[in-house]
C-alpha atoms as a PDB file:
ATOM      1  CA  MET A   1      -8.576  10.138 -18.090  1.00  0.00           C
ATOM      2  CA  ASN A   2      -9.999   7.380 -15.868  1.00  0.00           C
ATOM      3  CA  ILE A   3      -7.760   6.865 -12.855  1.00  0.00           C
ATOM      4  CA  TYR A   4      -8.192   4.218 -10.159  1.00  0.00           C
ATOM      5  CA  VAL A   5      -6.251   4.271  -6.915  1.00  0.00           C
ATOM      6  CA  LEU A   6      -5.762   1.146  -4.818  1.00  0.00           C
ATOM      7  CA  MET A   7      -5.896   2.042  -1.137  1.00  0.00           C
ATOM      8  CA  LYS A   8      -5.323   0.015   2.021  1.00  0.00           C
ATOM      9  CA  ARG A   9      -6.277   0.789   5.609  1.00  0.00           C
ATOM     10  CA  THR A  10      -3.276   0.189   7.867  1.00  0.00           C
ATOM     11  CA  PHE A  11      -2.179   0.716  11.450  1.00  0.00           C
ATOM     12  CA  ASP A  12      -0.878   4.163  12.327  1.00  0.00           C
ATOM     13  CA  THR A  13       2.910   3.926  12.170  1.00  0.00           C
ATOM     14  CA  GLU A  14       3.175   5.792  15.471  1.00  0.00           C
ATOM     15  CA  GLU A  15       0.922   3.346  17.291  1.00  0.00           C
ATOM     16  CA  LYS A  16       2.286   0.595  19.511  1.00  0.00           C
ATOM     17  CA  ILE A  17       1.057  -2.764  18.237  1.00  0.00           C
ATOM     18  CA  GLN A  18      -0.222  -5.177  20.861  1.00  0.00           C
ATOM     19  CA  ILE A  19       0.090  -8.931  20.230  1.00  0.00           C
ATOM     20  CA  GLU A  20      -2.214 -11.221  22.217  1.00  0.00           C
ATOM     21  CA  GLN A  21      -2.212 -14.998  21.718  1.00  0.00           C
ATOM     22  CA  GLY A  22      -0.546 -14.660  18.342  1.00  0.00           C
ATOM     23  CA  GLU A  23      -3.053 -12.095  17.043  1.00  0.00           C
ATOM     24  CA  ILE A  24      -2.929  -8.332  16.714  1.00  0.00           C
ATOM     25  CA  ASN A  25      -5.224  -6.647  19.213  1.00  0.00           C
ATOM     26  CA  THR A  26      -7.037  -3.923  17.277  1.00  0.00           C
ATOM     27  CA  ASP A  27      -9.045  -2.591  20.235  1.00  0.00           C
ATOM     28  CA  GLY A  28      -8.319   1.108  20.519  1.00  0.00           C
ATOM     29  CA  ALA A  29      -5.739   1.037  17.714  1.00  0.00           C
ATOM     30  CA  GLU A  30      -5.545   3.966  15.305  1.00  0.00           C
ATOM     31  CA  PHE A  31      -5.816   3.309  11.564  1.00  0.00           C
ATOM     32  CA  ILE A  32      -4.753   5.469   8.632  1.00  0.00           C
ATOM     33  CA  ILE A  33      -4.409   5.388   4.858  1.00  0.00           C
ATOM     34  CA  ASN A  34      -1.297   3.385   4.037  1.00  0.00           C
ATOM     35  CA  PRO A  35       1.337   6.159   3.647  1.00  0.00           C
ATOM     36  CA  TYR A  36       2.570   4.888   0.263  1.00  0.00           C
ATOM     37  CA  ASP A  37      -1.026   4.940  -0.976  1.00  0.00           C
ATOM     38  CA  GLU A  38      -1.174   8.628  -0.067  1.00  0.00           C
ATOM     39  CA  TYR A  39       1.552   9.230  -2.664  1.00  0.00           C
ATOM     40  CA  ALA A  40      -0.594   7.356  -5.188  1.00  0.00           C
ATOM     41  CA  ILE A  41      -3.640   9.474  -4.331  1.00  0.00           C
ATOM     42  CA  GLU A  42      -1.656  12.703  -4.657  1.00  0.00           C
ATOM     43  CA  GLU A  43      -0.229  11.609  -8.023  1.00  0.00           C
ATOM     44  CA  ALA A  44      -3.740  10.823  -9.256  1.00  0.00           C
ATOM     45  CA  LEU A  45      -4.900  14.286  -8.184  1.00  0.00           C
ATOM     46  CA  GLN A  46      -2.015  15.959 -10.007  1.00  0.00           C
ATOM     47  CA  LEU A  47      -2.703  13.942 -13.155  1.00  0.00           C
ATOM     48  CA  LYS A  48      -6.356  14.942 -13.031  1.00  0.00           C
ATOM     49  CA  GLU A  49      -5.437  18.610 -12.563  1.00  0.00           C
ATOM     50  CA  LYS A  50      -3.219  18.422 -15.649  1.00  0.00           C
ATOM     51  CA  HIS A  51      -5.208  16.134 -17.936  1.00  0.00           C
ATOM     52  CA  GLY A  52      -8.740  16.127 -16.539  1.00  0.00           C
ATOM     53  CA  GLY A  53     -10.743  12.997 -15.829  1.00  0.00           C
ATOM     54  CA  GLU A  54     -12.088  11.143 -12.819  1.00  0.00           C
ATOM     55  CA  ILE A  55     -10.478   9.443  -9.829  1.00  0.00           C
ATOM     56  CA  THR A  56     -11.974   6.415  -8.099  1.00  0.00           C
ATOM     57  CA  VAL A  57     -10.308   5.120  -4.941  1.00  0.00           C
ATOM     58  CA  VAL A  58     -10.887   1.429  -4.190  1.00  0.00           C
ATOM     59  CA  THR A  59     -10.185  -0.684  -1.136  1.00  0.00           C
ATOM     60  CA  VAL A  60     -10.706  -4.323  -0.221  1.00  0.00           C
ATOM     61  CA  GLY A  61     -11.401  -4.704   3.466  1.00  0.00           C
ATOM     62  CA  GLU A  62     -13.963  -4.202   6.182  1.00  0.00           C
ATOM     63  CA  GLU A  63     -16.652  -1.618   6.824  1.00  0.00           C
ATOM     64  CA  GLU A  64     -14.338   0.421   9.071  1.00  0.00           C
ATOM     65  CA  ALA A  65     -12.305   1.380   5.962  1.00  0.00           C
ATOM     66  CA  GLU A  66     -15.048   3.856   5.056  1.00  0.00           C
ATOM     67  CA  LYS A  67     -13.303   6.456   7.248  1.00  0.00           C
ATOM     68  CA  GLU A  68     -10.089   6.264   5.212  1.00  0.00           C
ATOM     69  CA  LEU A  69     -12.051   6.314   1.951  1.00  0.00           C
ATOM     70  CA  ARG A  70     -13.774   9.523   3.097  1.00  0.00           C
ATOM     71  CA  THR A  71     -10.334  10.986   3.771  1.00  0.00           C
ATOM     72  CA  ALA A  72      -9.303  10.175   0.189  1.00  0.00           C
ATOM     73  CA  LEU A  73     -12.476  11.852  -1.059  1.00  0.00           C
ATOM     74  CA  ALA A  74     -11.676  14.890   1.090  1.00  0.00           C
ATOM     75  CA  MET A  75      -8.227  15.043  -0.534  1.00  0.00           C
ATOM     76  CA  GLY A  76      -9.966  15.364  -3.907  1.00  0.00           C
ATOM     77  CA  CYS A  77     -10.874  11.922  -5.274  1.00  0.00           C
ATOM     78  CA  ASP A  78     -14.255  11.813  -7.018  1.00  0.00           C
ATOM     79  CA  LYS A  79     -15.615   8.402  -6.039  1.00  0.00           C
ATOM     80  CA  ALA A  80     -14.860   5.666  -3.533  1.00  0.00           C
ATOM     81  CA  VAL A  81     -15.554   1.947  -3.566  1.00  0.00           C
ATOM     82  CA  LEU A  82     -15.392  -0.375  -0.572  1.00  0.00           C
ATOM     83  CA  ILE A  83     -15.355  -4.076  -1.420  1.00  0.00           C
ATOM     84  CA  ASN A  84     -16.415  -5.477   1.935  1.00  0.00           C
ATOM     85  CA  ILE A  85     -15.107  -8.993   2.567  1.00  0.00           C
ATOM     86  CA  GLU A  86     -15.716  -9.067   6.319  1.00  0.00           C
ATOM     87  CA  ASP A  87     -18.514 -11.653   6.158  1.00  0.00           C
ATOM     88  CA  ASP A  88     -17.217 -13.607   3.157  1.00  0.00           C
ATOM     89  CA  VAL A  89     -13.480 -14.178   3.562  1.00  0.00           C
ATOM     90  CA  GLU A  90     -12.032 -15.711   6.713  1.00  0.00           C
ATOM     91  CA  GLU A  91      -8.375 -15.226   5.772  1.00  0.00           C
ATOM     92  CA  ALA A  92      -7.132 -12.803   3.109  1.00  0.00           C
ATOM     93  CA  ASP A  93      -3.709 -12.341   1.558  1.00  0.00           C
ATOM     94  CA  GLN A  94      -2.183 -10.581  -1.455  1.00  0.00           C
ATOM     95  CA  TYR A  95      -3.689 -13.113  -3.832  1.00  0.00           C
ATOM     96  CA  THR A  96      -7.134 -12.498  -2.345  1.00  0.00           C
ATOM     97  CA  ALA A  97      -6.882  -8.727  -2.757  1.00  0.00           C
ATOM     98  CA  SER A  98      -5.519  -8.829  -6.311  1.00  0.00           C
ATOM     99  CA  ALA A  99      -8.086 -11.396  -7.466  1.00  0.00           C
ATOM    100  CA  ILE A 100     -10.965  -9.354  -6.065  1.00  0.00           C
ATOM    101  CA  LEU A 101      -9.631  -6.130  -7.580  1.00  0.00           C
ATOM    102  CA  TYR A 102      -9.254  -7.876 -10.925  1.00  0.00           C
ATOM    103  CA  ASN A 103     -12.885  -8.961 -10.900  1.00  0.00           C
ATOM    104  CA  TYR A 104     -13.925  -5.421 -10.052  1.00  0.00           C
ATOM    105  CA  LEU A 105     -11.781  -3.750 -12.731  1.00  0.00           C
ATOM    106  CA  LYS A 106     -11.792  -6.226 -15.610  1.00  0.00           C
ATOM    107  CA  ASP A 107     -14.903  -4.820 -17.310  1.00  0.00           C
ATOM    108  CA  ARG A 108     -14.260  -1.159 -16.489  1.00  0.00           C
ATOM    109  CA  GLU A 109     -12.477   1.497 -18.490  1.00  0.00           C
ATOM    110  CA  TYR A 110      -9.218   2.703 -16.970  1.00  0.00           C
ATOM    111  CA  ASP A 111      -6.126   4.538 -18.131  1.00  0.00           C
ATOM    112  CA  ILE A 112      -3.974   4.437 -15.022  1.00  0.00           C
ATOM    113  CA  ILE A 113      -4.214   2.314 -11.890  1.00  0.00           C
ATOM    114  CA  LEU A 114      -2.075   3.657  -9.068  1.00  0.00           C
ATOM    115  CA  GLY A 115      -1.156   2.122  -5.739  1.00  0.00           C
ATOM    116  CA  GLY A 116       1.460   2.358  -3.045  1.00  0.00           C
ATOM    117  CA  ASN A 117       4.774   0.589  -3.480  1.00  0.00           C
ATOM    118  CA  VAL A 118       4.155  -1.473  -0.337  1.00  0.00           C
ATOM    119  CA  ALA A 119       1.765  -1.584   2.587  1.00  0.00           C
ATOM    120  CA  ILE A 120       3.530  -0.763   5.840  1.00  0.00           C
ATOM    121  CA  ASP A 121       1.796  -3.612   7.689  1.00  0.00           C
ATOM    122  CA  GLY A 122       2.754  -6.426   5.320  1.00  0.00           C
ATOM    123  CA  GLY A 123       5.431  -4.947   3.088  1.00  0.00           C
ATOM    124  CA  SER A 124       5.118  -7.524   0.306  1.00  0.00           C
ATOM    125  CA  GLY A 125       4.422  -5.126  -2.568  1.00  0.00           C
ATOM    126  CA  GLN A 126       2.567  -7.881  -4.423  1.00  0.00           C
ATOM    127  CA  VAL A 127      -0.999  -6.660  -4.962  1.00  0.00           C
ATOM    128  CA  ALA A 128      -0.446  -4.143  -7.778  1.00  0.00           C
ATOM    129  CA  PRO A 129       1.956  -6.344  -9.824  1.00  0.00           C
ATOM    130  CA  ARG A 130      -0.407  -9.320  -9.428  1.00  0.00           C
ATOM    131  CA  LEU A 131      -3.312  -7.163 -10.590  1.00  0.00           C
ATOM    132  CA  ALA A 132      -1.371  -5.945 -13.626  1.00  0.00           C
ATOM    133  CA  GLU A 133      -0.558  -9.541 -14.559  1.00  0.00           C
ATOM    134  CA  LEU A 134      -4.224 -10.532 -14.311  1.00  0.00           C
ATOM    135  CA  LEU A 135      -5.304  -7.520 -16.392  1.00  0.00           C
ATOM    136  CA  GLY A 136      -2.520  -8.114 -18.923  1.00  0.00           C
ATOM    137  CA  ILE A 137      -1.161  -4.554 -18.816  1.00  0.00           C
ATOM    138  CA  PRO A 138       2.296  -3.088 -18.014  1.00  0.00           C
ATOM    139  CA  CYS A 139       3.316  -2.516 -14.405  1.00  0.00           C
ATOM    140  CA  ILE A 140       5.956  -0.034 -13.221  1.00  0.00           C
ATOM    141  CA  THR A 141       6.885  -0.222  -9.560  1.00  0.00           C
ATOM    142  CA  THR A 142       8.537   2.259  -7.171  1.00  0.00           C
ATOM    143  CA  ILE A 143       8.023   5.276  -9.414  1.00  0.00           C
ATOM    144  CA  THR A 144       9.496   8.630  -8.385  1.00  0.00           C
ATOM    145  CA  LYS A 145       8.258  10.552 -11.435  1.00  0.00           C
ATOM    146  CA  LEU A 146       5.420   9.974 -13.906  1.00  0.00           C
ATOM    147  CA  THR A 147       4.838  11.881 -17.138  1.00  0.00           C
ATOM    148  CA  VAL A 148       1.830  11.255 -19.380  1.00  0.00           C
ATOM    149  CA  ASN A 149       1.733  12.645 -22.921  1.00  0.00           C
ATOM    150  CA  GLY A 150      -1.382  11.519 -24.736  1.00  0.00           C
ATOM    151  CA  GLY A 151      -1.242   7.750 -24.696  1.00  0.00           C
ATOM    152  CA  ASP A 152       2.495   7.614 -23.967  1.00  0.00           C
ATOM    153  CA  VAL A 153       4.008   7.274 -20.507  1.00  0.00           C
ATOM    154  CA  GLU A 154       7.495   7.889 -19.180  1.00  0.00           C
ATOM    155  CA  ALA A 155       8.304   6.920 -15.616  1.00  0.00           C
ATOM    156  CA  GLU A 156      11.371   7.198 -13.454  1.00  0.00           C
ATOM    157  CA  ARG A 157      11.707   4.486 -10.846  1.00  0.00           C
ATOM    158  CA  ASP A 158      13.905   3.824  -7.866  1.00  0.00           C
ATOM    159  CA  ALA A 159      16.127   0.860  -8.750  1.00  0.00           C
ATOM    160  CA  GLU A 160      17.919   0.141  -5.470  1.00  0.00           C
ATOM    161  CA  GLY A 161      19.816   3.408  -5.319  1.00  0.00           C
ATOM    162  CA  ASP A 162      19.950   3.965  -9.066  1.00  0.00           C
ATOM    163  CA  LEU A 163      17.484   5.594 -11.449  1.00  0.00           C
ATOM    164  CA  GLU A 164      15.707   3.696 -14.211  1.00  0.00           C
ATOM    165  CA  VAL A 165      13.650   5.382 -16.939  1.00  0.00           C
ATOM    166  CA  ILE A 166      10.841   3.356 -18.510  1.00  0.00           C
ATOM    167  CA  GLN A 167       8.691   4.267 -21.515  1.00  0.00           C
ATOM    168  CA  THR A 168       5.421   2.528 -22.271  1.00  0.00           C
ATOM    169  CA  SER A 169       1.823   3.306 -23.235  1.00  0.00           C
ATOM    170  CA  LEU A 170      -1.509   3.434 -21.464  1.00  0.00           C
ATOM    171  CA  PRO A 171      -3.131   1.652 -19.752  1.00  0.00           C
ATOM    172  CA  ILE A 172      -0.678   0.892 -16.942  1.00  0.00           C
ATOM    173  CA  VAL A 173      -0.441  -0.049 -13.296  1.00  0.00           C
ATOM    174  CA  ALA A 174       2.117   1.973 -11.322  1.00  0.00           C
ATOM    175  CA  THR A 175       3.156   1.960  -7.665  1.00  0.00           C
ATOM    176  CA  ALA A 176       4.304   5.069  -5.826  1.00  0.00           C
ATOM    177  CA  GLN A 177       7.587   5.395  -3.958  1.00  0.00           C
ATOM    178  CA  GLN A 178       8.487   8.003  -1.372  1.00  0.00           C
ATOM    179  CA  GLY A 179       9.755  11.096  -3.178  1.00  0.00           C
ATOM    180  CA  LEU A 180       7.167  10.969  -5.959  1.00  0.00           C
ATOM    181  CA  ASN A 181       5.311  13.933  -4.443  1.00  0.00           C
ATOM    182  CA  GLU A 182       4.158  15.493  -1.184  1.00  0.00           C
ATOM    183  CA  PRO A 183       0.581  14.391  -0.339  1.00  0.00           C
ATOM    184  CA  ARG A 184      -1.802  17.244   0.407  1.00  0.00           C
ATOM    185  CA  TYR A 185      -3.905  17.531   3.541  1.00  0.00           C
ATOM    186  CA  PRO A 186      -7.699  17.466   3.207  1.00  0.00           C
ATOM    187  CA  SER A 187      -9.023  21.030   3.265  1.00  0.00           C
ATOM    188  CA  LEU A 188     -12.138  22.052   5.172  1.00  0.00           C
ATOM    189  CA  PRO A 189     -14.100  22.568   1.913  1.00  0.00           C
ATOM    190  CA  GLY A 190     -12.797  19.180   0.759  1.00  0.00           C
ATOM    191  CA  ILE A 191     -14.010  17.523   3.958  1.00  0.00           C
ATOM    192  CA  MET A 192     -17.464  19.065   3.519  1.00  0.00           C
ATOM    193  CA  LYS A 193     -17.647  18.006  -0.140  1.00  0.00           C
ATOM    194  CA  ALA A 194     -16.531  14.460   0.724  1.00  0.00           C
ATOM    195  CA  LYS A 195     -19.747  13.914   2.685  1.00  0.00           C
ATOM    196  CA  LYS A 196     -21.740  14.239  -0.540  1.00  0.00           C
ATOM    197  CA  LYS A 197     -19.438  12.287  -2.831  1.00  0.00           C
ATOM    198  CA  PRO A 198     -20.491   8.739  -3.791  1.00  0.00           C
ATOM    199  CA  LEU A 199     -19.119   5.869  -1.719  1.00  0.00           C
ATOM    200  CA  GLU A 200     -20.243   2.504  -3.078  1.00  0.00           C
ATOM    201  CA  GLU A 201     -20.105  -0.642  -0.960  1.00  0.00           C
ATOM    202  CA  LEU A 202     -19.894  -3.999  -2.723  1.00  0.00           C
ATOM    203  CA  GLU A 203     -19.656  -7.607  -1.594  1.00  0.00           C
ATOM    204  CA  LEU A 204     -18.322 -10.684  -3.368  1.00  0.00           C
ATOM    205  CA  ASP A 205     -21.809 -11.588  -4.610  1.00  0.00           C
ATOM    206  CA  ASP A 206     -22.023  -8.246  -6.409  1.00  0.00           C
ATOM    207  CA  LEU A 207     -18.916  -9.201  -8.369  1.00  0.00           C
ATOM    208  CA  ASP A 208     -20.079 -12.796  -9.004  1.00  0.00           C
ATOM    209  CA  ILE A 209     -17.156 -14.139  -6.984  1.00  0.00           C
ATOM    210  CA  ASP A 210     -17.207 -17.341  -4.968  1.00  0.00           C
ATOM    211  CA  GLU A 211     -15.240 -17.310  -1.736  1.00  0.00           C
ATOM    212  CA  GLU A 212     -13.266 -20.359  -2.882  1.00  0.00           C
ATOM    213  CA  ASP A 213     -12.029 -18.463  -5.947  1.00  0.00           C
ATOM    214  CA  VAL A 214     -10.275 -15.829  -3.836  1.00  0.00           C
ATOM    215  CA  ALA A 215      -9.226 -17.969  -0.873  1.00  0.00           C
ATOM    216  CA  ALA A 216      -5.823 -17.063   0.532  1.00  0.00           C
ATOM    217  CA  LYS A 217      -2.818 -18.953  -0.824  1.00  0.00           C
ATOM    218  CA  THR A 218      -0.823 -18.341   2.336  1.00  0.00           C
ATOM    219  CA  LYS A 219      -1.538 -18.898   6.020  1.00  0.00           C
ATOM    220  CA  THR A 220      -0.283 -16.981   9.039  1.00  0.00           C
ATOM    221  CA  ILE A 221       0.837 -19.439  11.697  1.00  0.00           C
ATOM    222  CA  GLU A 222       1.801 -16.967  14.410  1.00  0.00           C
ATOM    223  CA  ARG A 223       2.589 -13.311  14.995  1.00  0.00           C
ATOM    224  CA  PHE A 224       5.126 -12.258  17.595  1.00  0.00           C
ATOM    225  CA  LEU A 225       7.238  -9.282  18.559  1.00  0.00           C
ATOM    226  CA  PRO A 226      11.041  -9.480  18.225  1.00  0.00           C
ATOM    227  CA  PRO A 227      12.931 -10.322  21.442  1.00  0.00           C
ATOM    228  CA  LYS A 228      14.129  -7.434  23.545  1.00  0.00           C
ATOM    229  CA  LYS A 229      17.708  -6.405  22.877  1.00  0.00           C
ATOM    230  CA  GLU A 230      20.232  -7.100  25.589  1.00  0.00           C
ATOM    231  CA  ALA A 231      22.117  -4.213  27.119  1.00  0.00           C
ATOM    232  CA  GLY A 232      25.286  -3.277  25.285  1.00  0.00           C
ATOM    233  CA  LYS A 233      28.777  -3.702  26.706  1.00  0.00           C
ATOM    234  CA  ILE A 234      31.180  -0.897  27.438  1.00  0.00           C
ATOM    235  CA  LEU A 235      34.784  -1.807  26.752  1.00  0.00           C
ATOM    236  CA  GLU A 236      37.344  -0.502  29.217  1.00  0.00           C
ATOM    237  CA  GLY A 237      41.058   0.150  28.893  1.00  0.00           C
ATOM    238  CA  GLU A 238      43.341   1.558  26.239  1.00  0.00           C
ATOM    239  CA  PRO A 239      42.277   1.511  22.549  1.00  0.00           C
ATOM    240  CA  GLU A 240      44.506  -1.500  21.871  1.00  0.00           C
ATOM    241  CA  GLN A 241      42.887  -3.430  24.749  1.00  0.00           C
ATOM    242  CA  GLN A 242      39.406  -2.441  23.631  1.00  0.00           C
ATOM    243  CA  ALA A 243      40.127  -3.599  20.064  1.00  0.00           C
ATOM    244  CA  ALA A 244      41.444  -6.949  21.261  1.00  0.00           C
ATOM    245  CA  GLU A 245      38.423  -7.486  23.533  1.00  0.00           C
ATOM    246  CA  LEU A 246      36.040  -6.464  20.742  1.00  0.00           C
ATOM    247  CA  VAL A 247      37.543  -9.028  18.349  1.00  0.00           C
ATOM    248  CA  SER A 248      37.322 -11.681  21.064  1.00  0.00           C
ATOM    249  CA  LEU A 249      33.649 -10.920  21.700  1.00  0.00           C
ATOM    250  CA  LEU A 250      32.839 -10.944  17.984  1.00  0.00           C
ATOM    251  CA  ARG A 251      34.382 -14.407  17.767  1.00  0.00           C
ATOM    252  CA  SER A 252      33.093 -15.996  20.976  1.00  0.00           C
ATOM    253  CA  GLU A 253      29.671 -14.388  21.461  1.00  0.00           C
ATOM    254  CA  ALA A 254      28.491 -12.793  18.219  1.00  0.00           C
ATOM    255  CA  LYS A 255      30.274 -15.465  16.125  1.00  0.00           C
ATOM    256  CA  VAL A 256      30.605 -13.140  13.153  1.00  0.00           C
ATOM    257  CA  VAL A 257      34.389 -13.388  12.688  1.00  0.00           C
END
């Protein structure tokens, strides 16, 4: 079984993001594997343990993403590919990533392509479905269980609080939701082995892609932090007085009733 995992390098969720002149200041910031992509990596590892095969983890980004790719290799992936766009693409969006991944994957053999449901920095959840559309294969999002039996697939997916069961056949693209599994930590032997595992670095020229063909379809005008919340009000008096004052405030200040 040939499994590819789409991985993104994102800010550590516990880090405080600094905005300067409408841009994110990355100096000194900590980066990690997108947490939802960790579920995808773990699912790929479990599929390999059950069915055999090979796992290749792929990311579109900058040279610094090599650290996160090495972490994926230490978890147990077999190969890693960094498609470096640092010198070729000025602005990238979900269209850019999916178009580049399509050009990388279109002539390769794959059974399952896994990715995270969303990236915690953007949260659009568009890359994997866009890729599936370009490849012309089924896409199942927000999966919480995946069963492969030969060429048949059954997946359970989170459908806004309900459970949906989908049956299809390989090849597929699937995105991992929290609850699918519990990602493993890289072991010391895994970390040592990761140093010897292949990590290939490609650029757009290697994929015969012109920058214009993958130019972003969207543009970020400005980034800013939400305004600070004002201090809350404490209502005094008897419950009846508090209720009356609360209704008055909801009408006059909050304007929600």
